Amino acid sequence: MTLEPLETAFPGLVGSPYSVTSPIAREYNCIAWAAGRDDVWMWPDPGGFSYWPDGVPREVSVEAIVRAFELLGYTMSSSMDFEEGVEKVAIFTRDGKPTHAARQLPDGHWTSKCGKNIEISHLLRDLEGDHYGEICRILARPRQ
C-alpha cells in the first residue's frame, strides 16, 4: 500500500506524524497484530476459516472481539490516554460491527496493521472515519 491510498482511506493521517513500520504482510491482520501475533489471521468468522480462540463466539461482534482480548488479560478502560506500564487496545466499529483494532506502543503512539497490507505507527484518532468508523472500546492490561 503506497502512502497516497493510505491517506485517502484515512484522511486523519494527512499532516499527522505517522510512519510505515513494516512491508506488506498477508499472513496476519489487525486483530492478530493488536493481540501481539504476526503468525495468524484472527477473525471470528462463523465459517471457521480464521484462527479464533476456543470458547469465544464465532460471531462478528464487538463483544466477541472484546472477549478474545479478555482472554489475553485485557479489561475495559475508560481512557485512551497513555499510562506508564499499561498496554492498551482500541476497537473500532462501523455500523455496529467491528472493523479494526490498534495497540498502544510503549512511547504512547499506536500501531495498526492495515488489512493485508502494511503496519503503521500513528495517533489513535487518525484512523477514525469512513473506512474503520469510530473507536468504540478501549481495553487495557499491564504491559508485558
Foldseek 3Di string as FASTA:
>chain_A
DDVVVVCVQQVLCVVFPKDFDWFFAQAEFQLQVQLVHDHFHDALDPVPPGDADPPQHSDQAPRSSVVRVVVVVKDFDPDLFDDQQKKKKWWFADPRGTDHIWIADNVGWIWGGDHRGTIMTGHVCSNDDDRGHGTDTMIMHGDD
